[in-house]
């Protein structure tokens, strides 16, 4: 089965969230702290995937927060 492609750039987060809701994995990783991400990445398997996703989301959120601060001033 072919994957659906996002029509516009920037909607991948919403699609990822929807996919996680369908699978029932929203919130399975818990609060994404640096130590928890590091521990999850070292475990491997599903835990590593969840940790990698959490790390990527934290990076994106930090970039967006930084960008919004510079545009409002």
N, C-alpha and C. Protein backbone atom coordinates (compact mmCIF):
# COMPACT_ATOMS: atom_id res chain seq x y z
N UNK A 1 0.84 -1.18 0.00
CA UNK A 1 0.00 0.00 0.00
C UNK A 1 0.88 1.24 0.00
N UNK A 2 0.59 2.14 -0.87
CA UNK A 2 1.39 3.36 -0.98
C UNK A 2 1.06 4.31 0.15
N UNK A 3 2.05 5.04 0.58
CA UNK A 3 1.83 6.04 1.63
C UNK A 3 1.15 7.26 1.04
N UNK A 4 0.34 7.91 1.88
CA UNK A 4 -0.26 9.16 1.45
C UNK A 4 0.79 10.26 1.57
N UNK A 5 0.84 11.13 0.63
CA UNK A 5 1.78 12.24 0.67
C UNK A 5 1.02 13.51 1.05
N UNK A 6 1.63 14.34 1.85
CA UNK A 6 1.02 15.60 2.25
C UNK A 6 0.96 16.53 1.04
N UNK A 7 -0.17 17.18 0.87
CA UNK A 7 -0.33 18.08 -0.27
C UNK A 7 0.49 19.35 -0.07
N UNK A 8 0.50 19.83 1.15
CA UNK A 8 1.25 21.05 1.43
C UNK A 8 2.28 20.76 2.50
N UNK A 9 3.37 21.45 2.43
CA UNK A 9 4.44 21.27 3.41
C UNK A 9 3.96 21.81 4.76
N UNK A 10 4.29 21.11 5.81
CA UNK A 10 3.95 21.58 7.14
C UNK A 10 2.83 20.79 7.81
N UNK A 11 2.18 19.89 7.09
CA UNK A 11 1.09 19.13 7.68
C UNK A 11 1.52 17.75 8.18
N UNK A 12 2.81 17.47 8.10
CA UNK A 12 3.28 16.14 8.50
C UNK A 12 3.06 15.89 9.98
N UNK A 13 3.09 16.94 10.80
CA UNK A 13 2.88 16.75 12.23
C UNK A 13 1.44 16.31 12.50
N UNK A 14 0.49 16.93 11.82
CA UNK A 14 -0.91 16.55 11.99
C UNK A 14 -1.14 15.12 11.53
N UNK A 15 -0.52 14.76 10.42
CA UNK A 15 -0.66 13.40 9.91
C UNK A 15 -0.02 12.39 10.85
N UNK A 16 1.12 12.74 11.42
CA UNK A 16 1.78 11.85 12.37
C UNK A 16 0.91 11.66 13.61
N UNK A 17 0.31 12.74 14.06
CA UNK A 17 -0.57 12.68 15.24
C UNK A 17 -1.78 11.78 14.96
N UNK A 18 -2.39 11.96 13.78
CA UNK A 18 -3.54 11.13 13.42
C UNK A 18 -3.15 9.65 13.36
N UNK A 19 -1.99 9.37 12.77
CA UNK A 19 -1.53 7.99 12.66
C UNK A 19 -1.29 7.40 14.06
N UNK A 20 -0.74 8.20 14.96
CA UNK A 20 -0.49 7.74 16.32
C UNK A 20 -1.80 7.50 17.06
N UNK A 21 -2.81 8.34 16.82
CA UNK A 21 -4.11 8.15 17.45
C UNK A 21 -4.76 6.86 16.97
N UNK A 22 -4.63 6.57 15.67
CA UNK A 22 -5.20 5.34 15.13
C UNK A 22 -4.54 4.11 15.75
N UNK A 23 -3.22 4.19 15.95
CA UNK A 23 -2.47 3.07 16.51
C UNK A 23 -2.59 3.00 18.03
N UNK A 24 -3.04 4.08 18.65
CA UNK A 24 -3.15 4.11 20.10
C UNK A 24 -1.84 4.36 20.80
N UNK A 25 -0.92 5.08 20.16
CA UNK A 25 0.39 5.31 20.76
C UNK A 25 0.61 6.75 21.21
N UNK A 26 -0.43 7.57 21.20
CA UNK A 26 -0.29 8.95 21.65
C UNK A 26 -0.04 8.93 23.16
N UNK A 27 1.03 9.56 23.59
CA UNK A 27 1.33 9.65 25.01
C UNK A 27 2.02 8.42 25.60
N UNK A 28 2.40 7.46 24.80
CA UNK A 28 3.04 6.25 25.33
C UNK A 28 4.44 6.53 25.85
N UNK A 29 5.10 7.52 25.29
CA UNK A 29 6.45 7.82 25.73
C UNK A 29 6.46 8.66 27.00
N UNK A 30 5.39 9.40 27.24
CA UNK A 30 5.31 10.24 28.43
C UNK A 30 6.00 11.58 28.23
N UNK A 31 6.36 12.22 29.32
CA UNK A 31 7.03 13.52 29.27
C UNK A 31 8.43 13.32 28.69
N UNK A 32 8.72 14.02 27.62
CA UNK A 32 9.99 13.81 26.90
C UNK A 32 11.10 14.67 27.48
N UNK A 33 11.74 14.16 28.52
CA UNK A 33 12.89 14.86 29.08
C UNK A 33 14.15 14.35 28.38
N UNK A 34 15.23 15.09 28.51
CA UNK A 34 16.48 14.72 27.85
C UNK A 34 16.98 13.36 28.34
N UNK A 35 16.90 13.11 29.64
CA UNK A 35 17.39 11.83 30.17
C UNK A 35 16.50 10.67 29.70
N UNK A 36 15.20 10.91 29.61
CA UNK A 36 14.29 9.86 29.16
C UNK A 36 14.52 9.53 27.68
N UNK A 37 14.78 10.55 26.88
CA UNK A 37 15.06 10.34 25.46
C UNK A 37 16.35 9.56 25.30
N UNK A 38 17.37 9.92 26.06
CA UNK A 38 18.66 9.23 25.98
C UNK A 38 18.51 7.76 26.37
N UNK A 39 17.77 7.50 27.42
CA UNK A 39 17.54 6.13 27.88
C UNK A 39 16.75 5.34 26.83
N UNK A 40 15.75 5.98 26.24
CA UNK A 40 14.93 5.31 25.23
C UNK A 40 15.71 4.98 23.98
N UNK A 41 16.60 5.88 23.56
CA UNK A 41 17.40 5.63 22.37
C UNK A 41 18.37 4.47 22.59
N UNK A 42 18.84 4.30 23.81
CA UNK A 42 19.79 3.22 24.08
C UNK A 42 19.12 1.84 24.17
N UNK A 43 17.82 1.82 24.45
CA UNK A 43 17.11 0.54 24.59
C UNK A 43 16.91 -0.17 23.26
N UNK A 44 16.57 0.58 22.24
CA UNK A 44 16.30 -0.05 20.94
C UNK A 44 14.84 -0.42 20.78
N UNK A 45 14.48 -0.90 19.60
CA UNK A 45 13.11 -1.33 19.32
C UNK A 45 12.12 -0.19 19.29
N UNK A 46 10.90 -0.48 19.78
CA UNK A 46 9.83 0.52 19.77
C UNK A 46 10.18 1.73 20.64
N UNK A 47 10.83 1.46 21.74
CA UNK A 47 11.20 2.53 22.66
C UNK A 47 12.14 3.53 21.98
N UNK A 48 13.06 3.03 21.17
CA UNK A 48 13.99 3.90 20.46
C UNK A 48 13.27 4.73 19.41
N UNK A 49 12.30 4.12 18.74
CA UNK A 49 11.52 4.86 17.74
C UNK A 49 10.74 5.99 18.39
N UNK A 50 10.13 5.68 19.52
CA UNK A 50 9.36 6.70 20.24
C UNK A 50 10.28 7.81 20.75
N UNK A 51 11.45 7.43 21.23
CA UNK A 51 12.41 8.42 21.72
C UNK A 51 12.91 9.30 20.59
N UNK A 52 13.18 8.71 19.43
CA UNK A 52 13.65 9.49 18.27
C UNK A 52 12.57 10.47 17.83
N UNK A 53 11.32 10.02 17.84
CA UNK A 53 10.21 10.90 17.47
C UNK A 53 10.08 12.04 18.46
N UNK A 54 10.17 11.73 19.75
CA UNK A 54 10.07 12.76 20.78
C UNK A 54 11.19 13.78 20.65
N UNK A 55 12.39 13.30 20.35
CA UNK A 55 13.53 14.20 20.18
C UNK A 55 13.32 15.12 18.99
N UNK A 56 12.82 14.57 17.89
CA UNK A 56 12.55 15.37 16.69
C UNK A 56 11.47 16.43 16.96
N UNK A 57 10.44 16.05 17.70
CA UNK A 57 9.36 16.99 18.01
C UNK A 57 9.85 18.11 18.93
N UNK A 58 10.72 17.77 19.87
CA UNK A 58 11.28 18.81 20.75
C UNK A 58 12.12 19.80 19.94
N UNK A 59 12.88 19.29 18.96
CA UNK A 59 13.70 20.15 18.11
C UNK A 59 12.83 21.08 17.29
N UNK A 60 11.77 20.53 16.69
CA UNK A 60 10.86 21.33 15.88
C UNK A 60 10.17 22.39 16.74
N UNK A 61 9.72 22.00 17.93
CA UNK A 61 9.05 22.94 18.83
C UNK A 61 9.99 24.07 19.24
N UNK A 62 11.23 23.75 19.51
CA UNK A 62 12.20 24.78 19.91
C UNK A 62 12.45 25.75 18.76
N UNK A 63 12.55 25.21 17.53
CA UNK A 63 12.76 26.08 16.37
C UNK A 63 11.56 27.00 16.16
N UNK A 64 10.36 26.45 16.29
CA UNK A 64 9.14 27.26 16.11
C UNK A 64 9.04 28.33 17.18
N UNK A 65 9.39 27.97 18.41
CA UNK A 65 9.33 28.93 19.51
C UNK A 65 10.31 30.07 19.28
N UNK A 66 11.51 29.72 18.84
CA UNK A 66 12.53 30.72 18.56
C UNK A 66 12.10 31.62 17.41
N UNK A 67 11.51 31.04 16.40
CA UNK A 67 11.06 31.79 15.23
C UNK A 67 9.92 32.74 15.61
N UNK A 68 8.99 32.28 16.44
CA UNK A 68 7.87 33.13 16.83
C UNK A 68 8.32 34.30 17.70
N UNK A 69 9.37 34.09 18.49
CA UNK A 69 9.89 35.18 19.31
C UNK A 69 10.49 36.28 18.45
N UNK A 70 11.19 35.91 17.39
CA UNK A 70 11.86 36.90 16.56
C UNK A 70 10.87 37.64 15.66
N UNK A 71 9.77 37.01 15.27
CA UNK A 71 8.81 37.67 14.38
C UNK A 71 7.87 38.60 15.11
N UNK A 72 7.64 38.39 16.42
CA UNK A 72 6.71 39.23 17.17
C UNK A 72 7.36 40.51 17.67
N UNK A 73 8.66 40.54 17.73
CA UNK A 73 9.31 41.73 18.27
C UNK A 73 9.60 42.75 17.22
